[in-house]
Amino acid sequence: GGQKRAIEDIREGSLVDGRVRNAGPFGVWVDIGCVKDARLDVPRNIAQQFRHGDEVVGMLVEKVDLEKGWIAVSIEEPELAYAST
């Protein structure tokens, strides 16, 4: 594992890939190689399909809140994202 990127290095509007660290009814948290995990905004029924360690590619960084230290990401077709290859 290399150095984690600072949250300041994550740009809104950029595309990121990551791995699911935690998934449940309150959302999916993805390690995008940053010191903070990103919250992937998906409907609850879809959130429950994700599993720890799933790879998620092509997520759009919607918001980076430096004060709260959080990153919100979204994905165009979430129902395809968790289809393991």
PDB file of N, CA and C in Angstrom:
ATOM      1  N   GLY A   1       0.827  -1.210   0.000  1.00  0.00           N
ATOM      2  CA  GLY A   1       0.000   0.000   0.000  1.00  0.00           C
ATOM      3  C   GLY A   1       0.852   1.246   0.000  1.00  0.00           C
ATOM      4  N   GLY A   2       0.551   2.173  -0.907  1.00  0.00           N
ATOM      5  CA  GLY A   2       1.295   3.429  -0.988  1.00  0.00           C
ATOM      6  C   GLY A   2       0.721   4.457  -0.040  1.00  0.00           C
ATOM      7  N   GLN A   3       1.174   5.669  -0.217  1.00  0.00           N
ATOM      8  CA  GLN A   3       0.658   6.775   0.597  1.00  0.00           C
ATOM      9  C   GLN A   3      -0.796   7.048   0.260  1.00  0.00           C
ATOM     10  N   LYS A   4      -1.579   7.315   1.287  1.00  0.00           N
ATOM     11  CA  LYS A   4      -2.969   7.718   1.059  1.00  0.00           C
ATOM     12  C   LYS A   4      -2.982   9.189   0.649  1.00  0.00           C
ATOM     13  N   ARG A   5      -3.886   9.515  -0.259  1.00  0.00           N
ATOM     14  CA  ARG A   5      -3.996  10.910  -0.682  1.00  0.00           C
ATOM     15  C   ARG A   5      -4.723  11.710   0.388  1.00  0.00           C
ATOM     16  N   ALA A   6      -4.349  12.975   0.492  1.00  0.00           N
ATOM     17  CA  ALA A   6      -5.053  13.875   1.400  1.00  0.00           C
ATOM     18  C   ALA A   6      -6.410  14.193   0.800  1.00  0.00           C
ATOM     19  N   ILE A   7      -7.359  14.497   1.676  1.00  0.00           N
ATOM     20  CA  ILE A   7      -8.705  14.812   1.191  1.00  0.00           C
ATOM     21  C   ILE A   7      -8.671  16.052   0.286  1.00  0.00           C
ATOM     22  N   GLU A   8      -7.718  16.942   0.527  1.00  0.00           N
ATOM     23  CA  GLU A   8      -7.580  18.152  -0.309  1.00  0.00           C
ATOM     24  C   GLU A   8      -7.214  17.809  -1.747  1.00  0.00           C
ATOM     25  N   ASP A   9      -6.653  16.609  -1.960  1.00  0.00           N
ATOM     26  CA  ASP A   9      -6.247  16.209  -3.312  1.00  0.00           C
ATOM     27  C   ASP A   9      -7.401  15.647  -4.128  1.00  0.00           C
ATOM     28  N   ILE A  10      -8.527  15.394  -3.476  1.00  0.00           N
ATOM     29  CA  ILE A  10      -9.674  14.828  -4.187  1.00  0.00           C
ATOM     30  C   ILE A  10     -10.481  15.975  -4.790  1.00  0.00           C
ATOM     31  N   ARG A  11     -10.669  15.933  -6.084  1.00  0.00           N
ATOM     32  CA  ARG A  11     -11.334  17.029  -6.786  1.00  0.00           C
ATOM     33  C   ARG A  11     -12.783  16.690  -7.103  1.00  0.00           C
ATOM     34  N   GLU A  12     -13.685  17.602  -6.806  1.00  0.00           N
ATOM     35  CA  GLU A  12     -15.080  17.439  -7.211  1.00  0.00           C
ATOM     36  C   GLU A  12     -15.139  17.369  -8.726  1.00  0.00           C
ATOM     37  N   GLY A  13     -15.937  16.452  -9.236  1.00  0.00           N
ATOM     38  CA  GLY A  13     -16.066  16.291 -10.674  1.00  0.00           C
ATOM     39  C   GLY A  13     -15.088  15.298 -11.272  1.00  0.00           C
ATOM     40  N   SER A  14     -14.149  14.802 -10.456  1.00  0.00           N
ATOM     41  CA  SER A  14     -13.204  13.823 -10.986  1.00  0.00           C
ATOM     42  C   SER A  14     -13.763  12.412 -10.820  1.00  0.00           C
ATOM     43  N   LEU A  15     -13.192  11.486 -11.548  1.00  0.00           N
ATOM     44  CA  LEU A  15     -13.617  10.085 -11.469  1.00  0.00           C
ATOM     45  C   LEU A  15     -12.611   9.301 -10.634  1.00  0.00           C
ATOM     46  N   VAL A  16     -13.147   8.453  -9.770  1.00  0.00           N
ATOM     47  CA  VAL A  16     -12.285   7.658  -8.898  1.00  0.00           C
ATOM     48  C   VAL A  16     -12.740   6.201  -8.908  1.00  0.00           C
ATOM     49  N   ASP A  17     -11.816   5.321  -8.600  1.00  0.00           N
ATOM     50  CA  ASP A  17     -12.122   3.908  -8.411  1.00  0.00           C
ATOM     51  C   ASP A  17     -11.845   3.559  -6.952  1.00  0.00           C
ATOM     52  N   GLY A  18     -12.425   2.483  -6.490  1.00  0.00           N
ATOM     53  CA  GLY A  18     -12.163   2.113  -5.109  1.00  0.00           C
ATOM     54  C   GLY A  18     -12.660   0.727  -4.767  1.00  0.00           C
ATOM     55  N   ARG A  19     -12.508   0.385  -3.491  1.00  0.00           N
ATOM     56  CA  ARG A  19     -12.985  -0.892  -2.981  1.00  0.00           C
ATOM     57  C   ARG A  19     -13.909  -0.649  -1.803  1.00  0.00           C
ATOM     58  N   VAL A  20     -14.975  -1.423  -1.766  1.00  0.00           N
ATOM     59  CA  VAL A  20     -15.957  -1.282  -0.688  1.00  0.00           C
ATOM     60  C   VAL A  20     -15.333  -1.694   0.648  1.00  0.00           C
ATOM     61  N   ARG A  21     -15.429  -0.806   1.619  1.00  0.00           N
ATOM     62  CA  ARG A  21     -14.939  -1.102   2.958  1.00  0.00           C
ATOM     63  C   ARG A  21     -16.077  -1.516   3.873  1.00  0.00           C
ATOM     64  N   ASN A  22     -17.252  -0.944   3.629  1.00  0.00           N
ATOM     65  CA  ASN A  22     -18.373  -1.162   4.517  1.00  0.00           C
ATOM     66  C   ASN A  22     -19.635  -0.918   3.713  1.00  0.00           C
ATOM     67  N   ALA A  23     -20.608  -1.802   3.826  1.00  0.00           N
ATOM     68  CA  ALA A  23     -21.855  -1.614   3.096  1.00  0.00           C
ATOM     69  C   ALA A  23     -23.021  -1.996   3.991  1.00  0.00           C
ATOM     70  N   GLY A  24     -24.047  -1.184   3.963  1.00  0.00           N
ATOM     71  CA  GLY A  24     -25.211  -1.468   4.779  1.00  0.00           C
ATOM     72  C   GLY A  24     -26.346  -0.545   4.425  1.00  0.00           C
ATOM     73  N   PRO A  25     -27.410  -0.576   5.229  1.00  0.00           N
ATOM     74  CA  PRO A  25     -28.592   0.225   4.921  1.00  0.00           C
ATOM     75  C   PRO A  25     -28.321   1.725   4.925  1.00  0.00           C
ATOM     76  N   PHE A  26     -27.246   2.149   5.580  1.00  0.00           N
ATOM     77  CA  PHE A  26     -26.972   3.591   5.648  1.00  0.00           C
ATOM     78  C   PHE A  26     -25.992   4.044   4.596  1.00  0.00           C
ATOM     79  N   GLY A  27     -25.684   3.169   3.652  1.00  0.00           N
ATOM     80  CA  GLY A  27     -24.813   3.583   2.574  1.00  0.00           C
ATOM     81  C   GLY A  27     -23.634   2.658   2.397  1.00  0.00           C
ATOM     82  N   VAL A  28     -22.885   2.973   1.379  1.00  0.00           N
ATOM     83  CA  VAL A  28     -21.720   2.183   1.021  1.00  0.00           C
ATOM     84  C   VAL A  28     -20.501   3.085   1.172  1.00  0.00           C
ATOM     85  N   TRP A  29     -19.522   2.614   1.909  1.00  0.00           N
ATOM     86  CA  TRP A  29     -18.297   3.383   2.128  1.00  0.00           C
ATOM     87  C   TRP A  29     -17.183   2.736   1.331  1.00  0.00           C
ATOM     88  N   VAL A  30     -16.500   3.566   0.552  1.00  0.00           N
ATOM     89  CA  VAL A  30     -15.523   3.050  -0.393  1.00  0.00           C
ATOM     90  C   VAL A  30     -14.150   3.655  -0.122  1.00  0.00           C
ATOM     91  N   ASP A  31     -13.148   2.786  -0.096  1.00  0.00           N
ATOM     92  CA  ASP A  31     -11.762   3.242   0.027  1.00  0.00           C
ATOM     93  C   ASP A  31     -11.308   3.676  -1.356  1.00  0.00           C
ATOM     94  N   ILE A  32     -11.100   4.981  -1.529  1.00  0.00           N
ATOM     95  CA  ILE A  32     -10.656   5.486  -2.845  1.00  0.00           C
ATOM     96  C   ILE A  32      -9.184   5.900  -2.809  1.00  0.00           C
ATOM     97  N   GLY A  33      -8.464   5.369  -1.818  1.00  0.00           N
ATOM     98  CA  GLY A  33      -7.040   5.679  -1.720  1.00  0.00           C
ATOM     99  C   GLY A  33      -6.782   7.001  -1.042  1.00  0.00           C
ATOM    100  N   CYS A  34      -7.787   7.495  -0.340  1.00  0.00           N
ATOM    101  CA  CYS A  34      -7.688   8.748   0.395  1.00  0.00           C
ATOM    102  C   CYS A  34      -7.667   8.424   1.886  1.00  0.00           C
ATOM    103  N   VAL A  35      -7.235   9.385   2.691  1.00  0.00           N
ATOM    104  CA  VAL A  35      -7.224   9.162   4.139  1.00  0.00           C
ATOM    105  C   VAL A  35      -8.647   8.958   4.673  1.00  0.00           C
ATOM    106  N   LYS A  36      -9.636   9.493   3.967  1.00  0.00           N
ATOM    107  CA  LYS A  36     -11.043   9.303   4.349  1.00  0.00           C
ATOM    108  C   LYS A  36     -11.733   8.417   3.323  1.00  0.00           C
ATOM    109  N   ASP A  37     -12.601   7.538   3.784  1.00  0.00           N
ATOM    110  CA  ASP A  37     -13.399   6.751   2.849  1.00  0.00           C
ATOM    111  C   ASP A  37     -14.501   7.638   2.269  1.00  0.00           C
ATOM    112  N   ALA A  38     -14.904   7.322   1.062  1.00  0.00           N
ATOM    113  CA  ALA A  38     -15.960   8.080   0.406  1.00  0.00           C
ATOM    114  C   ALA A  38     -17.297   7.376   0.606  1.00  0.00           C
ATOM    115  N   ARG A  39     -18.351   8.159   0.717  1.00  0.00           N
ATOM    116  CA  ARG A  39     -19.683   7.575   0.819  1.00  0.00           C
ATOM    117  C   ARG A  39     -20.306   7.539  -0.567  1.00  0.00           C
ATOM    118  N   LEU A  40     -20.639   6.328  -0.987  1.00  0.00           N
ATOM    119  CA  LEU A  40     -21.271   6.138  -2.290  1.00  0.00           C
ATOM    120  C   LEU A  40     -22.775   6.225  -2.107  1.00  0.00           C
ATOM    121  N   ASP A  41     -23.353   7.197  -2.779  1.00  0.00           N
ATOM    122  CA  ASP A  41     -24.776   7.462  -2.631  1.00  0.00           C
ATOM    123  C   ASP A  41     -25.578   6.577  -3.580  1.00  0.00           C
ATOM    124  N   VAL A  42     -26.202   5.543  -3.031  1.00  0.00           N
ATOM    125  CA  VAL A  42     -27.033   4.645  -3.838  1.00  0.00           C
ATOM    126  C   VAL A  42     -28.313   4.336  -3.058  1.00  0.00           C
ATOM    127  N   PRO A  43     -29.363   3.954  -3.759  1.00  0.00           N
ATOM    128  CA  PRO A  43     -30.592   3.562  -3.060  1.00  0.00           C
ATOM    129  C   PRO A  43     -30.334   2.401  -2.105  1.00  0.00           C
ATOM    130  N   ARG A  44     -31.099   2.363  -1.031  1.00  0.00           N
ATOM    131  CA  ARG A  44     -30.897   1.378   0.023  1.00  0.00           C
ATOM    132  C   ARG A  44     -30.925  -0.059  -0.502  1.00  0.00           C
ATOM    133  N   ASN A  45     -31.874  -0.353  -1.393  1.00  0.00           N
ATOM    134  CA  ASN A  45     -31.968  -1.735  -1.890  1.00  0.00           C
ATOM    135  C   ASN A  45     -30.717  -2.131  -2.664  1.00  0.00           C
ATOM    136  N   ILE A  46     -30.079  -1.137  -3.289  1.00  0.00           N
ATOM    137  CA  ILE A  46     -28.850  -1.419  -4.035  1.00  0.00           C
ATOM    138  C   ILE A  46     -27.658  -1.466  -3.090  1.00  0.00           C
ATOM    139  N   ALA A  47     -27.663  -0.596  -2.091  1.00  0.00           N
ATOM    140  CA  ALA A  47     -26.558  -0.565  -1.122  1.00  0.00           C
ATOM    141  C   ALA A  47     -26.345  -1.937  -0.501  1.00  0.00           C
ATOM    142  N   GLN A  48     -27.424  -2.660  -0.274  1.00  0.00           N
ATOM    143  CA  GLN A  48     -27.319  -3.954   0.393  1.00  0.00           C
ATOM    144  C   GLN A  48     -26.745  -5.036  -0.507  1.00  0.00           C
ATOM    145  N   GLN A  49     -26.616  -4.741  -1.805  1.00  0.00           N
ATOM    146  CA  GLN A  49     -26.023  -5.729  -2.719  1.00  0.00           C
ATOM    147  C   GLN A  49     -24.492  -5.680  -2.691  1.00  0.00           C
ATOM    148  N   PHE A  50     -23.958  -4.560  -2.240  1.00  0.00           N
ATOM    149  CA  PHE A  50     -22.503  -4.425  -2.224  1.00  0.00           C
ATOM    150  C   PHE A  50     -21.911  -5.271  -1.107  1.00  0.00           C
ATOM    151  N   ARG A  51     -20.700  -5.755  -1.340  1.00  0.00           N
ATOM    152  CA  ARG A  51     -19.998  -6.575  -0.353  1.00  0.00           C
ATOM    153  C   ARG A  51     -18.622  -5.977  -0.084  1.00  0.00           C
ATOM    154  N   HIS A  52     -18.144  -6.213   1.124  1.00  0.00           N
ATOM    155  CA  HIS A  52     -16.794  -5.775   1.497  1.00  0.00           C
ATOM    156  C   HIS A  52     -15.794  -6.306   0.463  1.00  0.00           C
ATOM    157  N   GLY A  53     -14.956  -5.411  -0.033  1.00  0.00           N
ATOM    158  CA  GLY A  53     -13.918  -5.820  -0.980  1.00  0.00           C
ATOM    159  C   GLY A  53     -14.319  -5.706  -2.436  1.00  0.00           C
ATOM    160  N   ASP A  54     -15.606  -5.436  -2.706  1.00  0.00           N
ATOM    161  CA  ASP A  54     -16.024  -5.243  -4.102  1.00  0.00           C
ATOM    162  C   ASP A  54     -15.264  -4.071  -4.701  1.00  0.00           C
ATOM    163  N   GLU A  55     -14.875  -4.218  -5.958  1.00  0.00           N
ATOM    164  CA  GLU A  55     -14.225  -3.124  -6.661  1.00  0.00           C
ATOM    165  C   GLU A  55     -15.295  -2.299  -7.358  1.00  0.00           C
ATOM    166  N   VAL A  56     -15.215  -0.982  -7.204  1.00  0.00           N
ATOM    167  CA  VAL A  56     -16.180  -0.094  -7.853  1.00  0.00           C
ATOM    168  C   VAL A  56     -15.381   0.899  -8.692  1.00  0.00           C
ATOM    169  N   VAL A  57     -15.654   0.926  -9.991  1.00  0.00           N
ATOM    170  CA  VAL A  57     -14.884   1.807 -10.873  1.00  0.00           C
ATOM    171  C   VAL A  57     -15.784   2.899 -11.452  1.00  0.00           C
ATOM    172  N   GLY A  58     -15.158   4.019 -11.776  1.00  0.00           N
ATOM    173  CA  GLY A  58     -15.863   5.091 -12.461  1.00  0.00           C
ATOM    174  C   GLY A  58     -16.850   5.854 -11.598  1.00  0.00           C
ATOM    175  N   MET A  59     -16.512   6.042 -10.327  1.00  0.00           N
ATOM    176  CA  MET A  59     -17.379   6.838  -9.457  1.00  0.00           C
ATOM    177  C   MET A  59     -17.067   8.321  -9.640  1.00  0.00           C
ATOM    178  N   LEU A  60     -18.105   9.134  -9.637  1.00  0.00           N
ATOM    179  CA  LEU A  60     -17.955  10.574  -9.780  1.00  0.00           C
ATOM    180  C   LEU A  60     -17.906  11.217  -8.399  1.00  0.00           C
ATOM    181  N   VAL A  61     -16.895  12.048  -8.172  1.00  0.00           N
ATOM    182  CA  VAL A  61     -16.820  12.777  -6.904  1.00  0.00           C
ATOM    183  C   VAL A  61     -17.818  13.938  -6.952  1.00  0.00           C
ATOM    184  N   GLU A  62     -18.872  13.831  -6.145  1.00  0.00           N
ATOM    185  CA  GLU A  62     -19.931  14.839  -6.127  1.00  0.00           C
ATOM    186  C   GLU A  62     -19.564  16.003  -5.222  1.00  0.00           C
ATOM    187  N   LYS A  63     -19.048  15.677  -4.047  1.00  0.00           N
ATOM    188  CA  LYS A  63     -18.775  16.729  -3.067  1.00  0.00           C
ATOM    189  C   LYS A  63     -17.615  16.332  -2.176  1.00  0.00           C
ATOM    190  N   VAL A  64     -16.779  17.298  -1.891  1.00  0.00           N
ATOM    191  CA  VAL A  64     -15.704  17.118  -0.924  1.00  0.00           C
ATOM    192  C   VAL A  64     -15.886  18.182   0.142  1.00  0.00           C
ATOM    193  N   ASP A  65     -16.158  17.754   1.364  1.00  0.00           N
ATOM    194  CA  ASP A  65     -16.358  18.688   2.469  1.00  0.00           C
ATOM    195  C   ASP A  65     -15.129  18.639   3.372  1.00  0.00           C
ATOM    196  N   LEU A  66     -14.257  19.645   3.202  1.00  0.00           N
ATOM    197  CA  LEU A  66     -13.001  19.639   3.946  1.00  0.00           C
ATOM    198  C   LEU A  66     -13.233  19.839   5.436  1.00  0.00           C
ATOM    199  N   GLU A  67     -14.232  20.639   5.788  1.00  0.00           N
ATOM    200  CA  GLU A  67     -14.504  20.903   7.201  1.00  0.00           C
ATOM    201  C   GLU A  67     -14.937  19.635   7.928  1.00  0.00           C
ATOM    202  N   LYS A  68     -15.893  18.929   7.321  1.00  0.00           N
ATOM    203  CA  LYS A  68     -16.404  17.706   7.956  1.00  0.00           C
ATOM    204  C   LYS A  68     -15.513  16.518   7.642  1.00  0.00           C
ATOM    205  N   GLY A  69     -14.644  16.675   6.643  1.00  0.00           N
ATOM    206  CA  GLY A  69     -13.772  15.570   6.264  1.00  0.00           C
ATOM    207  C   GLY A  69     -14.534  14.454   5.582  1.00  0.00           C
ATOM    208  N   TRP A  70     -15.452  14.854   4.652  1.00  0.00           N
ATOM    209  CA  TRP A  70     -16.147  13.787   3.946  1.00  0.00           C
ATOM    210  C   TRP A  70     -16.249  13.972   2.474  1.00  0.00           C
ATOM    211  N   ILE A  71     -16.369  12.836   1.827  1.00  0.00           N
ATOM    212  CA  ILE A  71     -16.361  12.789   0.368  1.00  0.00           C
ATOM    213  C   ILE A  71     -17.611  12.032  -0.062  1.00  0.00           C
ATOM    214  N   ALA A  72     -18.382  12.630  -0.956  1.00  0.00           N
ATOM    215  CA  ALA A  72     -19.558  11.946  -1.491  1.00  0.00           C
ATOM    216  C   ALA A  72     -19.296  11.602  -2.950  1.00  0.00           C
ATOM    217  N   VAL A  73     -19.552  10.351  -3.301  1.00  0.00           N
ATOM    218  CA  VAL A  73     -19.374   9.919  -4.681  1.00  0.00           C
ATOM    219  C   VAL A  73     -20.662   9.267  -5.173  1.00  0.00           C
ATOM    220  N   SER A  74     -20.830   9.249  -6.489  1.00  0.00           N
ATOM    221  CA  SER A  74     -21.999   8.596  -7.068  1.00  0.00           C
ATOM    222  C   SER A  74     -21.541   7.774  -8.257  1.00  0.00           C
ATOM    223  N   ILE A  75     -22.444   6.942  -8.740  1.00  0.00           N
ATOM    224  CA  ILE A  75     -22.124   6.117  -9.895  1.00  0.00           C
ATOM    225  C   ILE A  75     -23.342   6.093 -10.805  1.00  0.00           C
ATOM    226  N   GLU A  76     -23.076   6.100 -12.115  1.00  0.00           N
ATOM    227  CA  GLU A  76     -24.180   6.249 -13.077  1.00  0.00           C
ATOM    228  C   GLU A  76     -25.159   5.089 -13.026  1.00  0.00           C
ATOM    229  N   GLU A  77     -24.625   3.872 -13.030  1.00  0.00           N
ATOM    230  CA  GLU A  77     -25.511   2.707 -13.060  1.00  0.00           C
ATOM    231  C   GLU A  77     -25.165   1.790 -11.910  1.00  0.00           C
ATOM    232  N   PRO A  78     -25.630   2.126 -10.711  1.00  0.00           N
ATOM    233  CA  PRO A  78     -25.201   1.375  -9.528  1.00  0.00           C
ATOM    234  C   PRO A  78     -25.563  -0.103  -9.584  1.00  0.00           C
ATOM    235  N   GLU A  79     -26.662  -0.421 -10.279  1.00  0.00           N
ATOM    236  CA  GLU A  79     -27.050  -1.831 -10.308  1.00  0.00           C
ATOM    237  C   GLU A  79     -26.049  -2.681 -11.089  1.00  0.00           C
ATOM    238  N   LEU A  80     -25.214  -2.027 -11.904  1.00  0.00           N
ATOM    239  CA  LEU A  80     -24.180  -2.766 -12.614  1.00  0.00           C
ATOM    240  C   LEU A  80     -22.875  -2.820 -11.837  1.00  0.00           C
ATOM    241  N   ALA A  81     -22.736  -1.903 -10.897  1.00  0.00           N
ATOM    242  CA  ALA A  81     -21.438  -1.727 -10.241  1.00  0.00           C
ATOM    243  C   ALA A  81     -21.022  -2.942  -9.418  1.00  0.00           C
ATOM    244  N   TYR A  82     -22.000  -3.584  -8.786  1.00  0.00           N
ATOM    245  CA  TYR A  82     -21.609  -4.670  -7.882  1.00  0.00           C
ATOM    246  C   TYR A  82     -21.605  -6.023  -8.562  1.00  0.00           C
ATOM    247  N   ALA A  83     -21.868  -6.043  -9.865  1.00  0.00           N
ATOM    248  CA  ALA A  83     -21.814  -7.316 -10.574  1.00  0.00           C
ATOM    249  C   ALA A  83     -20.361  -7.774 -10.627  1.00  0.00           C
ATOM    250  N   SER A  84     -20.034  -8.769  -9.835  1.00  0.00           N
ATOM    251  CA  SER A  84     -18.653  -9.243  -9.771  1.00  0.00           C
ATOM    252  C   SER A  84     -18.309  -9.939 -11.082  1.00  0.00           C
ATOM    253  N   THR A  85     -17.089  -9.698 -11.539  1.00  0.00           N
ATOM    254  CA  THR A  85     -16.669 -10.330 -12.796  1.00  0.00           C
ATOM    255  C   THR A  85     -16.008 -11.662 -12.521  1.00  0.00           C
TER     256      THR A  85
END
